[in-house]
N, C-alpha and C. Protein backbone atom coordinates (compact mmCIF):
# COMPACT_ATOMS: atom_id res chain seq x y z
N MET A 1 -36.63 -34.62 48.79
CA MET A 1 -36.91 -33.82 47.52
C MET A 1 -36.14 -34.74 46.52
N GLY A 2 -35.27 -34.02 45.79
CA GLY A 2 -34.60 -34.67 44.73
C GLY A 2 -33.27 -35.36 45.06
N THR A 3 -32.64 -36.10 44.23
CA THR A 3 -31.39 -36.73 44.44
C THR A 3 -30.35 -35.88 43.78
N THR A 4 -29.18 -36.34 43.67
CA THR A 4 -28.04 -35.56 43.03
C THR A 4 -27.36 -36.53 41.96
N GLN A 5 -28.20 -37.09 41.15
CA GLN A 5 -27.66 -37.85 39.93
C GLN A 5 -26.91 -36.77 39.06
N GLN A 6 -25.81 -37.19 38.64
CA GLN A 6 -25.01 -36.35 37.72
C GLN A 6 -25.73 -36.10 36.43
N ALA A 7 -25.77 -34.86 36.03
CA ALA A 7 -26.29 -34.49 34.68
C ALA A 7 -25.31 -34.92 33.61
N PRO A 8 -25.93 -35.28 32.43
CA PRO A 8 -25.04 -35.70 31.26
C PRO A 8 -24.14 -34.53 30.82
N ARG A 9 -22.86 -34.90 30.59
CA ARG A 9 -21.89 -33.77 30.21
C ARG A 9 -22.22 -33.01 28.97
N ASP A 10 -22.85 -33.66 27.94
CA ASP A 10 -23.22 -32.90 26.77
C ASP A 10 -24.28 -31.85 27.00
N LEU A 11 -25.22 -32.14 27.84
CA LEU A 11 -26.23 -31.15 28.31
C LEU A 11 -25.59 -30.12 29.17
N ILE A 12 -24.71 -30.48 30.07
CA ILE A 12 -24.03 -29.47 30.80
C ILE A 12 -23.31 -28.47 30.06
N ASP A 13 -22.55 -28.97 29.09
CA ASP A 13 -21.77 -28.02 28.17
C ASP A 13 -22.66 -27.18 27.39
N ALA A 14 -23.73 -27.72 26.91
CA ALA A 14 -24.71 -26.90 26.04
C ALA A 14 -25.43 -25.86 26.93
N ALA A 15 -25.76 -26.10 28.17
CA ALA A 15 -26.40 -25.20 29.11
C ALA A 15 -25.44 -24.11 29.42
N LEU A 16 -24.20 -24.48 29.79
CA LEU A 16 -23.23 -23.51 30.11
C LEU A 16 -22.96 -22.54 28.99
N ALA A 17 -22.72 -23.12 27.80
CA ALA A 17 -22.51 -22.31 26.56
C ALA A 17 -23.69 -21.37 26.33
N ALA A 18 -24.96 -21.82 26.46
CA ALA A 18 -26.15 -20.98 26.29
C ALA A 18 -26.10 -19.80 27.36
N ARG A 19 -25.85 -20.14 28.53
CA ARG A 19 -25.76 -19.11 29.67
C ARG A 19 -24.84 -17.98 29.23
N ASP A 20 -23.67 -18.43 28.59
CA ASP A 20 -22.72 -17.44 28.23
C ASP A 20 -23.12 -16.42 27.20
N LYS A 21 -24.29 -16.80 26.46
CA LYS A 21 -24.88 -15.94 25.37
C LYS A 21 -26.09 -15.24 25.91
N ALA A 22 -26.45 -15.40 27.12
CA ALA A 22 -27.63 -14.72 27.76
C ALA A 22 -27.52 -13.16 27.54
N TYR A 23 -28.63 -12.52 27.38
CA TYR A 23 -28.83 -11.10 27.28
C TYR A 23 -29.52 -10.63 28.59
N ALA A 24 -28.67 -10.19 29.50
CA ALA A 24 -29.31 -9.80 30.84
C ALA A 24 -28.79 -8.54 31.44
N PRO A 25 -28.86 -7.44 30.57
CA PRO A 25 -28.23 -6.19 31.04
C PRO A 25 -28.83 -5.53 32.27
N TYR A 26 -30.06 -5.97 32.57
CA TYR A 26 -30.71 -5.33 33.76
C TYR A 26 -30.55 -6.11 34.95
N SER A 27 -30.77 -7.36 35.06
CA SER A 27 -30.58 -8.16 36.18
C SER A 27 -29.12 -8.64 36.42
N LYS A 28 -28.48 -8.78 35.37
CA LYS A 28 -27.06 -9.27 35.27
C LYS A 28 -27.02 -10.73 35.72
N PHE A 29 -28.26 -11.32 35.67
CA PHE A 29 -28.26 -12.79 36.10
C PHE A 29 -28.52 -13.67 34.87
N HIS A 30 -27.50 -14.25 34.41
CA HIS A 30 -27.50 -15.01 33.13
C HIS A 30 -27.98 -16.47 33.47
N VAL A 31 -28.87 -16.95 32.61
CA VAL A 31 -29.33 -18.38 32.81
C VAL A 31 -29.22 -19.04 31.47
N GLY A 32 -28.89 -20.34 31.54
CA GLY A 32 -28.78 -21.20 30.31
C GLY A 32 -29.54 -22.42 30.62
N ALA A 33 -30.08 -23.15 29.59
CA ALA A 33 -30.79 -24.39 29.61
C ALA A 33 -30.46 -25.12 28.34
N ALA A 34 -30.54 -26.49 28.58
CA ALA A 34 -30.30 -27.32 27.39
C ALA A 34 -31.15 -28.65 27.66
N LEU A 35 -31.88 -28.98 26.65
CA LEU A 35 -32.88 -30.16 26.82
C LEU A 35 -32.36 -31.15 25.70
N ARG A 36 -32.74 -32.45 25.96
CA ARG A 36 -32.57 -33.50 25.02
C ARG A 36 -33.96 -34.09 24.59
N THR A 37 -34.22 -33.87 23.31
CA THR A 37 -35.45 -34.40 22.79
C THR A 37 -35.48 -35.91 22.62
N GLY A 38 -36.75 -36.38 22.43
CA GLY A 38 -36.97 -37.93 22.32
C GLY A 38 -36.02 -38.57 21.28
N ASN A 39 -35.63 -37.70 20.17
CA ASN A 39 -34.83 -38.34 19.17
C ASN A 39 -33.28 -38.04 19.48
N GLY A 40 -32.95 -37.50 20.66
CA GLY A 40 -31.64 -37.34 20.97
C GLY A 40 -30.93 -36.07 20.68
N GLN A 41 -31.76 -35.14 20.03
CA GLN A 41 -31.35 -33.80 19.72
C GLN A 41 -31.14 -32.93 20.92
N ILE A 42 -30.03 -32.14 21.08
CA ILE A 42 -29.79 -31.28 22.07
C ILE A 42 -30.13 -29.90 21.60
N ILE A 43 -31.04 -29.17 22.48
CA ILE A 43 -31.45 -27.92 21.97
C ILE A 43 -31.22 -26.97 23.29
N ALA A 44 -30.66 -25.82 23.04
CA ALA A 44 -30.38 -24.87 24.23
C ALA A 44 -31.08 -23.65 24.02
N GLY A 45 -31.17 -22.91 25.19
CA GLY A 45 -31.77 -21.58 25.25
C GLY A 45 -31.12 -20.76 26.35
N CYS A 46 -31.29 -19.40 26.18
CA CYS A 46 -30.71 -18.50 27.24
C CYS A 46 -31.79 -17.52 27.62
N ASN A 47 -31.68 -16.91 28.78
CA ASN A 47 -32.68 -15.80 29.07
C ASN A 47 -32.27 -14.56 28.20
N VAL A 48 -33.25 -13.87 27.91
CA VAL A 48 -33.31 -12.59 27.11
C VAL A 48 -34.16 -11.63 27.71
N GLU A 49 -33.50 -10.56 28.35
CA GLU A 49 -34.36 -9.48 29.01
C GLU A 49 -34.60 -8.33 27.99
N ASN A 50 -35.40 -7.44 28.42
CA ASN A 50 -35.61 -6.23 27.64
C ASN A 50 -35.95 -5.15 28.71
N ALA A 51 -36.06 -3.88 28.24
CA ALA A 51 -36.38 -2.81 29.23
C ALA A 51 -37.78 -2.90 29.86
N ALA A 52 -38.72 -3.61 29.37
CA ALA A 52 -39.98 -3.85 29.98
C ALA A 52 -39.84 -5.12 30.65
N TYR A 53 -39.38 -5.00 31.93
CA TYR A 53 -38.83 -6.20 32.62
C TYR A 53 -39.78 -7.47 32.55
N PRO A 54 -41.07 -7.43 32.73
CA PRO A 54 -41.73 -8.68 32.80
C PRO A 54 -41.87 -9.24 31.35
N GLU A 55 -41.36 -8.69 30.37
CA GLU A 55 -41.56 -9.19 28.98
C GLU A 55 -40.29 -9.98 28.47
N GLY A 56 -39.48 -10.40 29.39
CA GLY A 56 -38.29 -11.12 29.10
C GLY A 56 -38.59 -12.57 28.81
N VAL A 57 -37.66 -13.48 28.24
CA VAL A 57 -37.82 -14.76 28.02
C VAL A 57 -36.84 -15.56 28.88
N CYS A 58 -37.26 -16.52 29.47
CA CYS A 58 -36.44 -17.51 30.37
C CYS A 58 -35.78 -18.41 29.44
N ALA A 59 -34.63 -18.87 29.93
CA ALA A 59 -33.73 -19.84 29.28
C ALA A 59 -34.57 -21.12 28.86
N GLU A 60 -35.28 -21.66 29.77
CA GLU A 60 -36.10 -22.89 29.54
C GLU A 60 -37.09 -22.64 28.46
N ALA A 61 -37.85 -21.60 28.47
CA ALA A 61 -38.77 -21.20 27.51
C ALA A 61 -38.22 -21.03 26.16
N GLY A 62 -36.99 -20.41 26.14
CA GLY A 62 -36.36 -20.23 24.72
C GLY A 62 -36.02 -21.64 24.27
N ALA A 63 -35.42 -22.51 25.00
CA ALA A 63 -35.12 -23.86 24.50
C ALA A 63 -36.24 -24.66 24.17
N ILE A 64 -37.40 -24.56 24.81
CA ILE A 64 -38.54 -25.19 24.51
C ILE A 64 -39.13 -24.60 23.24
N SER A 65 -39.10 -23.37 22.99
CA SER A 65 -39.65 -22.75 21.82
C SER A 65 -38.78 -23.24 20.56
N ALA A 66 -37.39 -23.32 20.68
CA ALA A 66 -36.52 -23.75 19.69
C ALA A 66 -36.81 -25.28 19.38
N MET A 67 -37.21 -26.06 20.43
CA MET A 67 -37.51 -27.49 20.19
C MET A 67 -38.69 -27.59 19.40
N VAL A 68 -39.77 -26.83 19.71
CA VAL A 68 -41.03 -26.96 18.95
C VAL A 68 -40.72 -26.45 17.54
N LEU A 69 -39.98 -25.48 17.25
CA LEU A 69 -39.66 -24.95 15.91
C LEU A 69 -38.91 -26.01 15.15
N SER A 70 -38.11 -26.87 15.80
CA SER A 70 -37.35 -27.97 15.16
C SER A 70 -38.20 -29.23 14.78
N GLY A 71 -39.49 -29.11 15.25
CA GLY A 71 -40.46 -30.20 14.91
C GLY A 71 -40.70 -31.17 16.05
N GLU A 72 -40.03 -31.11 17.17
CA GLU A 72 -40.12 -31.97 18.42
C GLU A 72 -41.25 -31.36 19.29
N THR A 73 -41.74 -32.31 19.97
CA THR A 73 -42.77 -31.84 21.02
C THR A 73 -42.47 -32.51 22.40
N LYS A 74 -41.60 -33.30 22.52
CA LYS A 74 -41.23 -34.06 23.81
C LYS A 74 -39.82 -33.99 24.13
N PHE A 75 -39.50 -33.84 25.38
CA PHE A 75 -38.11 -34.01 25.82
C PHE A 75 -38.07 -34.85 27.21
N ASP A 76 -36.97 -35.46 27.35
CA ASP A 76 -36.78 -36.35 28.52
C ASP A 76 -36.00 -35.76 29.67
N GLU A 77 -35.03 -34.83 29.33
CA GLU A 77 -34.27 -34.31 30.35
C GLU A 77 -33.81 -32.81 29.93
N ILE A 78 -33.61 -32.12 30.97
CA ILE A 78 -33.20 -30.65 30.83
C ILE A 78 -32.22 -30.30 31.89
N VAL A 79 -31.22 -29.49 31.52
CA VAL A 79 -30.19 -28.93 32.43
C VAL A 79 -30.47 -27.40 32.51
N VAL A 80 -30.44 -26.88 33.83
CA VAL A 80 -30.66 -25.49 34.01
C VAL A 80 -29.48 -24.93 34.81
N VAL A 81 -28.84 -23.76 34.47
CA VAL A 81 -27.74 -23.24 35.17
C VAL A 81 -28.02 -21.79 35.29
N GLY A 82 -27.67 -21.18 36.44
CA GLY A 82 -27.71 -19.77 36.72
C GLY A 82 -26.34 -19.22 36.89
N LEU A 83 -26.10 -18.46 37.87
CA LEU A 83 -24.80 -17.94 38.28
C LEU A 83 -24.40 -18.45 39.70
N GLY A 84 -23.20 -18.71 39.79
CA GLY A 84 -22.66 -19.17 41.17
C GLY A 84 -23.02 -20.57 41.58
N ASP A 85 -23.10 -20.75 42.91
CA ASP A 85 -23.31 -22.04 43.32
C ASP A 85 -24.75 -22.27 44.01
N VAL A 86 -25.66 -21.36 43.65
CA VAL A 86 -27.06 -21.54 44.18
C VAL A 86 -27.92 -22.11 43.15
N ALA A 87 -28.81 -23.02 43.60
CA ALA A 87 -29.71 -23.72 42.68
C ALA A 87 -30.58 -22.71 42.01
N CYS A 88 -30.59 -22.64 40.58
CA CYS A 88 -31.43 -21.83 39.81
C CYS A 88 -32.56 -22.70 39.24
N THR A 89 -33.50 -22.83 40.03
CA THR A 89 -34.76 -23.73 39.66
C THR A 89 -35.60 -22.97 38.85
N PRO A 90 -36.35 -23.67 37.84
CA PRO A 90 -37.29 -22.95 36.96
C PRO A 90 -38.33 -22.18 37.72
N CYS A 91 -38.70 -21.13 37.05
CA CYS A 91 -39.84 -20.29 37.61
C CYS A 91 -41.17 -21.01 37.44
N GLY A 92 -42.19 -20.45 37.99
CA GLY A 92 -43.52 -21.11 37.83
C GLY A 92 -44.00 -21.33 36.51
N GLY A 93 -43.83 -20.22 35.60
CA GLY A 93 -44.22 -20.48 34.21
C GLY A 93 -43.42 -21.44 33.37
N CYS A 94 -42.11 -21.49 33.72
CA CYS A 94 -41.26 -22.55 33.02
C CYS A 94 -41.61 -23.94 33.65
N ARG A 95 -42.04 -23.99 34.86
CA ARG A 95 -42.43 -25.35 35.41
C ARG A 95 -43.60 -25.86 34.63
N GLN A 96 -44.49 -24.94 34.27
CA GLN A 96 -45.69 -25.34 33.51
C GLN A 96 -45.26 -25.70 32.03
N LYS A 97 -44.39 -24.94 31.48
CA LYS A 97 -43.90 -25.21 30.21
C LYS A 97 -43.20 -26.60 30.13
N ILE A 98 -42.32 -26.88 31.14
CA ILE A 98 -41.81 -28.15 31.19
C ILE A 98 -42.76 -29.29 31.31
N ARG A 99 -43.81 -29.01 32.09
CA ARG A 99 -44.90 -29.99 32.20
C ARG A 99 -45.61 -30.34 30.94
N GLU A 100 -45.70 -29.37 30.07
CA GLU A 100 -46.52 -29.51 28.84
C GLU A 100 -45.81 -30.51 27.77
N PHE A 101 -44.37 -30.59 27.96
CA PHE A 101 -43.61 -31.21 26.95
C PHE A 101 -42.82 -32.39 27.43
N THR A 102 -43.09 -32.92 28.61
CA THR A 102 -42.44 -33.96 29.28
C THR A 102 -43.43 -35.02 29.90
N GLY A 103 -42.87 -36.18 30.12
CA GLY A 103 -43.62 -37.17 30.90
C GLY A 103 -43.31 -37.10 32.32
N PRO A 104 -44.05 -37.78 33.32
CA PRO A 104 -43.89 -37.57 34.69
C PRO A 104 -42.49 -37.92 35.18
N ASP A 105 -41.77 -38.84 34.39
CA ASP A 105 -40.38 -39.31 34.88
C ASP A 105 -39.24 -38.47 34.19
N ALA A 106 -39.61 -37.47 33.50
CA ALA A 106 -38.56 -36.65 32.90
C ALA A 106 -37.58 -36.08 34.06
N THR A 107 -36.38 -35.91 33.61
CA THR A 107 -35.37 -35.49 34.71
C THR A 107 -34.94 -34.01 34.45
N ILE A 108 -35.02 -33.20 35.57
CA ILE A 108 -34.64 -31.81 35.52
C ILE A 108 -33.30 -31.81 36.40
N PHE A 109 -32.18 -31.38 35.80
CA PHE A 109 -31.02 -31.20 36.44
C PHE A 109 -30.67 -29.70 36.73
N ILE A 110 -30.33 -29.43 37.91
CA ILE A 110 -29.90 -28.03 38.24
C ILE A 110 -28.48 -27.97 38.61
N ILE A 111 -27.71 -27.29 37.79
CA ILE A 111 -26.24 -27.25 38.03
C ILE A 111 -25.78 -25.89 38.43
N ASN A 112 -24.40 -25.88 38.84
CA ASN A 112 -23.73 -24.62 39.25
C ASN A 112 -22.77 -24.26 38.10
N ASP A 113 -21.94 -23.19 38.38
CA ASP A 113 -21.02 -22.65 37.38
C ASP A 113 -19.97 -23.71 37.03
N GLN A 114 -19.65 -24.52 37.82
CA GLN A 114 -18.60 -25.58 37.45
C GLN A 114 -19.17 -26.88 36.85
N GLY A 115 -20.54 -26.87 36.57
CA GLY A 115 -21.11 -27.96 35.92
C GLY A 115 -21.39 -29.09 36.86
N GLU A 116 -21.35 -28.86 38.18
CA GLU A 116 -21.70 -29.88 39.13
C GLU A 116 -23.23 -29.81 39.41
N THR A 117 -23.84 -31.00 39.49
CA THR A 117 -25.14 -31.12 39.68
C THR A 117 -25.51 -30.79 41.17
N LEU A 118 -26.34 -29.79 41.38
CA LEU A 118 -26.80 -29.37 42.67
C LEU A 118 -28.11 -30.17 43.08
N LEU A 119 -28.98 -30.41 42.09
CA LEU A 119 -30.20 -31.00 42.31
C LEU A 119 -30.82 -31.69 41.29
N THR A 120 -31.30 -32.89 41.33
CA THR A 120 -31.94 -33.69 40.30
C THR A 120 -33.35 -33.98 40.67
N LEU A 121 -34.29 -33.64 39.86
CA LEU A 121 -35.70 -33.78 40.13
C LEU A 121 -36.44 -34.51 39.01
N THR A 122 -37.39 -35.29 39.27
CA THR A 122 -38.28 -35.77 38.28
C THR A 122 -39.39 -34.51 38.07
N ARG A 123 -40.03 -34.61 37.01
CA ARG A 123 -40.99 -33.55 36.70
C ARG A 123 -42.15 -33.59 37.77
N GLU A 124 -42.43 -34.76 38.22
CA GLU A 124 -43.44 -34.79 39.33
C GLU A 124 -42.95 -34.22 40.64
N GLN A 125 -41.65 -34.24 40.81
CA GLN A 125 -41.11 -33.54 42.13
C GLN A 125 -41.05 -32.05 41.84
N LEU A 126 -40.79 -31.65 40.60
CA LEU A 126 -40.70 -30.21 40.22
C LEU A 126 -42.13 -29.52 40.34
N ILE A 127 -43.08 -30.23 39.82
CA ILE A 127 -44.34 -29.73 39.77
C ILE A 127 -45.51 -30.74 40.17
N PRO A 128 -45.61 -31.10 41.31
CA PRO A 128 -46.58 -32.10 41.70
C PRO A 128 -47.97 -31.65 41.45
N HIS A 129 -48.86 -32.63 41.18
CA HIS A 129 -50.31 -32.44 41.08
C HIS A 129 -50.56 -31.31 39.98
N SER A 130 -49.83 -31.39 38.93
CA SER A 130 -49.90 -30.39 37.88
C SER A 130 -51.10 -30.38 36.98
N PHE A 131 -51.25 -29.39 36.33
CA PHE A 131 -52.52 -29.23 35.36
C PHE A 131 -51.89 -29.41 33.97
N GLY A 132 -52.34 -30.35 33.25
CA GLY A 132 -51.86 -30.60 31.91
C GLY A 132 -53.03 -30.85 30.91
N PRO A 133 -52.51 -31.33 29.67
CA PRO A 133 -53.56 -31.52 28.56
C PRO A 133 -54.73 -32.42 28.95
N GLU A 134 -54.43 -33.55 29.77
CA GLU A 134 -55.43 -34.50 30.13
C GLU A 134 -56.51 -33.82 31.06
N ASN A 135 -56.20 -32.66 31.65
CA ASN A 135 -57.19 -32.03 32.47
C ASN A 135 -58.28 -31.32 31.61
N LEU A 136 -57.94 -31.09 30.33
CA LEU A 136 -59.02 -30.45 29.50
C LEU A 136 -59.95 -31.35 28.82
N LYS A 137 -59.76 -32.68 29.09
CA LYS A 137 -60.77 -33.64 28.43
C LYS A 137 -61.97 -33.78 29.27
């Protein structure tokens, strides 16, 4: 599967800081994500829950939405962190969102509470044989 290439420290710090701001009163599972756009800008997001459980927003989706709002539409790497020492990999919906805004060689880093990289994946490893804009042509 993936390797364990160390995630960049600036993205680790941004993802951990975002996770600390998560709003997860129901699951108590806080998630943070931080991505780097093509122009080097770091944008972070956290999960935000609400009482209608399936209507929450994932950390990755929040970061991607903020990226688009900033005028960017591509990123090359993203760090995702949950709680503890278990790999918090993106859900299916976030995998598709990551697919939309990255190239096949984009890097997805999954880290733990201490900022240690647990898993490093390319986008193709994260979501092989994916559906994307070129499938609509």
